Amino acid sequence: MANVLDEETGPVRESGREINVIAKQIPVTVGKGSKIFEVLLWCLFIIPGLVFLIKKIHAATYLRQLEQKIQHDASQIDNYLEQRVVILSNLAKLVDKAVKLDQETFTAIAEARSSGRVISRDGAEMSATSAKIDSIGWRINKTFENYPDLKAHHEIADAIQQNSYLQKEITAAREQYNDTVNTWNREIQVWPTKMIVAAKQGYTTRIPFIASQEIKQKATEVFF
């Protein structure tokens, strides 16, 4: 049998293709077959019906715990973002002492500080808040392009190092959040127990982290 996906003869898109996250929550639904399945367990087999009821209780508990895990992971990202705002704020003040920094940078910092916690928001909203903070970093990086000697200052160099560390932690936390969201999106589709429970609870899939279009474009630029 020939390869279904043949890199030699299959269609190749030489221009490439940008990958985007679909920001859509899909509700979990079950058909009449699932309802008939539950009725049959009770009508024809009482013991299997009780067993399935216990499994549904366990499934409901598991999904609630998984939902709290998503909240915990989102909170972890929020903590790192808050720390990064503080670091970037201090870095902006240090740079401003040496050269006049764009006033929009300080306006963006103020907005980031007043944007509130990201807990309980969906992935798209959390991504938007994160993008604002990333934008502050890009503005400061642009200043370093014009004044590269600034990086020789001890306090500025230390702040840059702290910012770099926090960015790595944020990236790792985003990966953890996406992993948990992926687990949720996969588990609520497991039939019969979890899918039936998810449908009755009105659960939907969740949106993973999404980078803004501005950040995607800037990621291709060269800094420092």
Protein backbone atom coordinates (compact mmCIF):
# COMPACT_ATOMS: atom_id res chain seq x y z
CA MET A 1 0.00 0.00 0.00
CA ALA A 2 1.34 3.44 -0.95
CA ASN A 3 1.92 6.17 1.63
CA VAL A 4 -1.19 8.23 2.27
CA LEU A 5 0.99 11.29 2.79
CA ASP A 6 3.76 11.14 0.20
CA GLU A 7 6.32 13.94 0.48
CA GLU A 8 7.69 13.02 -2.95
CA THR A 9 4.52 13.17 -5.05
CA GLY A 10 2.01 14.84 -2.72
CA PRO A 11 0.98 18.49 -3.02
CA VAL A 12 3.56 20.88 -1.59
CA ARG A 13 2.82 24.50 -0.65
CA GLU A 14 6.13 26.21 -1.32
CA SER A 15 4.88 29.55 -0.04
CA GLY A 16 4.31 28.05 3.41
CA ARG A 17 1.36 28.70 5.71
CA GLU A 18 1.03 30.66 8.95
CA ILE A 19 -0.47 28.73 11.87
CA ASN A 20 -3.25 30.38 13.86
CA VAL A 21 -5.25 29.31 16.89
CA ILE A 22 -9.02 29.17 16.31
CA ALA A 23 -10.60 31.21 19.11
CA LYS A 24 -13.83 29.24 19.27
CA GLN A 25 -15.43 27.37 22.16
CA ILE A 26 -17.24 24.22 21.00
CA PRO A 27 -20.06 22.95 23.27
CA VAL A 28 -20.16 19.26 24.12
CA THR A 29 -23.30 17.54 22.84
CA VAL A 30 -24.56 13.96 22.88
CA GLY A 31 -27.20 12.37 20.68
CA LYS A 32 -30.24 10.21 21.35
CA GLY A 33 -28.03 7.14 21.34
CA SER A 34 -26.39 8.21 24.59
CA LYS A 35 -29.77 8.74 26.25
CA ILE A 36 -30.98 5.34 25.08
CA PHE A 37 -27.75 3.81 26.38
CA GLU A 38 -28.38 5.24 29.87
CA VAL A 39 -32.03 4.15 29.90
CA LEU A 40 -31.14 0.61 28.87
CA LEU A 41 -28.60 0.31 31.68
CA TRP A 42 -31.31 1.12 34.23
CA CYS A 43 -34.22 -0.75 32.64
CA LEU A 44 -32.47 -3.96 31.68
CA PHE A 45 -29.48 -4.08 34.00
CA ILE A 46 -29.88 -2.41 37.41
CA ILE A 47 -26.37 -3.15 38.65
CA PRO A 48 -24.64 -1.76 35.51
CA GLY A 49 -26.85 1.30 35.87
CA LEU A 50 -25.59 1.86 39.42
CA VAL A 51 -22.00 1.31 38.31
CA PHE A 52 -22.41 3.83 35.52
CA LEU A 53 -23.92 6.33 37.95
CA ILE A 54 -20.88 6.01 40.20
CA LYS A 55 -18.61 6.46 37.18
CA LYS A 56 -20.47 9.65 36.24
CA ILE A 57 -20.01 11.00 39.77
CA HIS A 58 -16.28 10.29 39.56
CA ALA A 59 -16.14 11.86 36.09
CA ALA A 60 -17.91 15.01 37.32
CA THR A 61 -15.44 15.29 40.21
CA TYR A 62 -12.49 14.79 37.88
CA LEU A 63 -13.67 17.48 35.45
CA ARG A 64 -14.25 19.96 38.29
CA GLN A 65 -10.73 19.30 39.55
CA LEU A 66 -9.34 19.69 36.06
CA GLU A 67 -11.16 23.00 35.73
CA GLN A 68 -9.49 24.20 38.93
CA LYS A 69 -6.13 23.08 37.50
CA ILE A 70 -6.74 25.35 34.51
CA GLN A 71 -7.43 28.22 36.91
CA HIS A 72 -4.23 27.45 38.80
CA ASP A 73 -2.16 27.43 35.61
CA ALA A 74 -3.74 30.72 34.48
CA SER A 75 -2.96 32.23 37.87
CA GLN A 76 0.68 31.16 37.54
CA ILE A 77 0.97 33.02 34.23
CA ASP A 78 -0.67 36.02 35.84
CA ASN A 79 1.88 36.05 38.67
CA TYR A 80 4.81 36.03 36.25
CA LEU A 81 3.20 38.73 34.10
CA GLU A 82 2.73 40.93 37.15
CA GLN A 83 6.39 40.50 38.10
CA ARG A 84 7.44 41.31 34.54
CA VAL A 85 5.42 44.53 34.55
CA VAL A 86 7.29 45.61 37.69
CA ILE A 87 10.68 44.75 36.14
CA LEU A 88 9.87 46.53 32.88
CA SER A 89 8.58 49.54 34.80
CA ASN A 90 11.88 49.79 36.70
CA LEU A 91 13.83 49.23 33.49
CA ALA A 92 11.89 51.97 31.71
CA LYS A 93 12.68 54.43 34.51
CA LEU A 94 16.38 53.55 34.37
CA VAL A 95 16.47 54.01 30.61
CA ASP A 96 14.50 57.25 30.87
CA LYS A 97 17.21 58.65 33.15
CA ALA A 98 19.75 58.12 30.41
CA VAL A 99 17.63 59.02 27.38
CA LYS A 100 14.12 60.29 26.81
CA LEU A 101 11.89 57.25 26.51
CA ASP A 102 8.65 57.35 24.54
CA GLN A 103 5.82 58.47 26.81
CA GLU A 104 3.64 55.74 25.30
CA THR A 105 5.81 53.19 27.10
CA PHE A 106 4.81 54.54 30.51
CA THR A 107 1.19 54.77 29.40
CA ALA A 108 1.31 51.10 28.39
CA ILE A 109 2.84 50.19 31.77
CA ALA A 110 0.05 52.00 33.59
CA GLU A 111 -2.56 50.17 31.50
CA ALA A 112 -0.90 46.83 32.21
CA ARG A 113 -0.93 47.52 35.93
CA SER A 114 -4.60 48.51 35.90
CA SER A 115 -5.76 45.67 33.64
CA GLY A 116 -6.45 43.42 36.63
CA ARG A 117 -5.99 39.72 37.13
CA VAL A 118 -6.30 37.31 34.22
CA ILE A 119 -7.84 34.53 36.31
CA SER A 120 -11.26 33.31 35.06
CA ARG A 121 -10.72 34.84 31.62
CA ASP A 122 -10.55 32.66 28.55
CA GLY A 123 -7.36 32.05 26.62
CA ALA A 124 -8.02 34.85 24.13
CA GLU A 125 -8.40 37.54 26.82
CA MET A 126 -5.36 36.30 28.71
CA SER A 127 -3.35 36.37 25.49
CA ALA A 128 -4.41 39.99 24.86
CA THR A 129 -3.23 41.05 28.33
CA SER A 130 0.05 39.23 27.81
CA ALA A 131 0.51 40.91 24.42
CA LYS A 132 0.25 44.36 26.04
CA ILE A 133 3.10 43.49 28.39
CA ASP A 134 5.16 42.04 25.55
CA SER A 135 4.64 45.28 23.65
CA ILE A 136 6.28 47.21 26.50
CA GLY A 137 9.35 45.02 26.17
CA TRP A 138 9.51 45.62 22.42
CA ARG A 139 9.41 49.41 22.94
CA ILE A 140 12.32 49.26 25.38
CA ASN A 141 14.24 46.96 23.03
CA LYS A 142 13.85 49.55 20.27
CA THR A 143 15.46 52.11 22.53
CA PHE A 144 18.42 49.79 23.08
CA GLU A 145 18.82 49.59 19.32
CA ASN A 146 19.34 53.35 19.20
CA TYR A 147 21.46 53.48 22.37
CA PRO A 148 23.33 50.14 22.65
CA ASP A 149 25.70 51.55 25.31
CA LEU A 150 22.82 51.57 27.78
CA LYS A 151 23.19 47.82 28.25
CA ALA A 152 26.61 48.42 29.81
CA HIS A 153 25.00 50.06 32.86
CA HIS A 154 24.97 47.59 35.74
CA GLU A 155 21.42 48.25 36.95
CA ILE A 156 20.02 48.14 33.42
CA ALA A 157 21.91 44.93 32.61
CA ASP A 158 20.54 43.35 35.80
CA ALA A 159 16.98 44.36 34.91
CA ILE A 160 17.40 42.94 31.40
CA GLN A 161 18.56 39.65 32.89
CA GLN A 162 15.58 39.52 35.24
CA ASN A 163 13.23 40.29 32.35
CA SER A 164 14.80 37.50 30.27
CA TYR A 165 14.35 35.04 33.14
CA LEU A 166 10.71 36.00 33.64
CA GLN A 167 10.00 35.68 29.93
CA LYS A 168 11.29 32.10 30.03
CA GLU A 169 9.12 31.36 33.05
CA ILE A 170 6.09 32.87 31.30
CA THR A 171 6.75 30.71 28.24
CA ALA A 172 6.98 27.58 30.41
CA ALA A 173 3.81 28.55 32.28
CA ARG A 174 1.98 29.09 28.98
CA GLU A 175 3.02 25.63 27.84
CA GLN A 176 1.71 24.17 31.10
CA TYR A 177 -1.56 26.05 30.67
CA ASN A 178 -1.93 24.83 27.09
CA ASP A 179 -1.21 21.25 28.18
CA THR A 180 -3.97 21.42 30.78
CA VAL A 181 -6.38 23.01 28.30
CA ASN A 182 -5.53 20.26 25.81
CA THR A 183 -6.26 17.64 28.49
CA TRP A 184 -9.63 19.29 29.20
CA ASN A 185 -10.57 19.50 25.51
CA ARG A 186 -9.65 15.84 25.06
CA GLU A 187 -11.28 14.48 28.23
CA ILE A 188 -14.69 16.09 27.71
CA GLN A 189 -14.93 14.23 24.39
CA VAL A 190 -14.41 10.76 25.93
CA TRP A 191 -17.63 8.78 25.52
CA PRO A 192 -19.67 7.64 27.31
CA THR A 193 -19.09 8.76 30.90
CA LYS A 194 -17.14 12.03 30.64
CA MET A 195 -18.83 13.19 27.47
CA ILE A 196 -22.32 12.64 28.91
CA VAL A 197 -21.39 14.47 32.11
CA ALA A 198 -19.79 17.33 30.15
CA ALA A 199 -22.88 17.69 27.95
CA LYS A 200 -25.22 17.78 30.97
CA GLN A 201 -23.03 20.39 32.67
CA GLY A 202 -22.94 22.53 29.52
CA TYR A 203 -19.14 22.37 29.25
CA THR A 204 -17.32 23.62 26.17
CA THR A 205 -13.81 23.32 24.81
CA ARG A 206 -11.36 25.95 26.04
CA ILE A 207 -9.14 28.29 24.04
CA PRO A 208 -5.36 27.91 24.49
CA PHE A 209 -2.91 30.78 24.60
CA ILE A 210 -2.91 32.95 21.47
CA ALA A 211 -0.12 35.35 20.52
CA SER A 212 -1.30 38.62 18.99
CA GLN A 213 -0.70 39.33 15.31
CA GLU A 214 1.54 42.25 16.29
CA ILE A 215 3.77 39.98 18.37
CA LYS A 216 3.94 37.40 15.57
CA GLN A 217 5.17 40.07 13.17
CA LYS A 218 7.70 41.48 15.63
CA ALA A 219 9.02 37.99 16.37
CA THR A 220 10.57 37.96 12.89
CA GLU A 221 12.50 41.18 13.54
CA VAL A 222 16.07 41.37 14.85
CA PHE A 223 16.72 42.97 18.23
CA PHE A 224 19.94 43.85 20.03
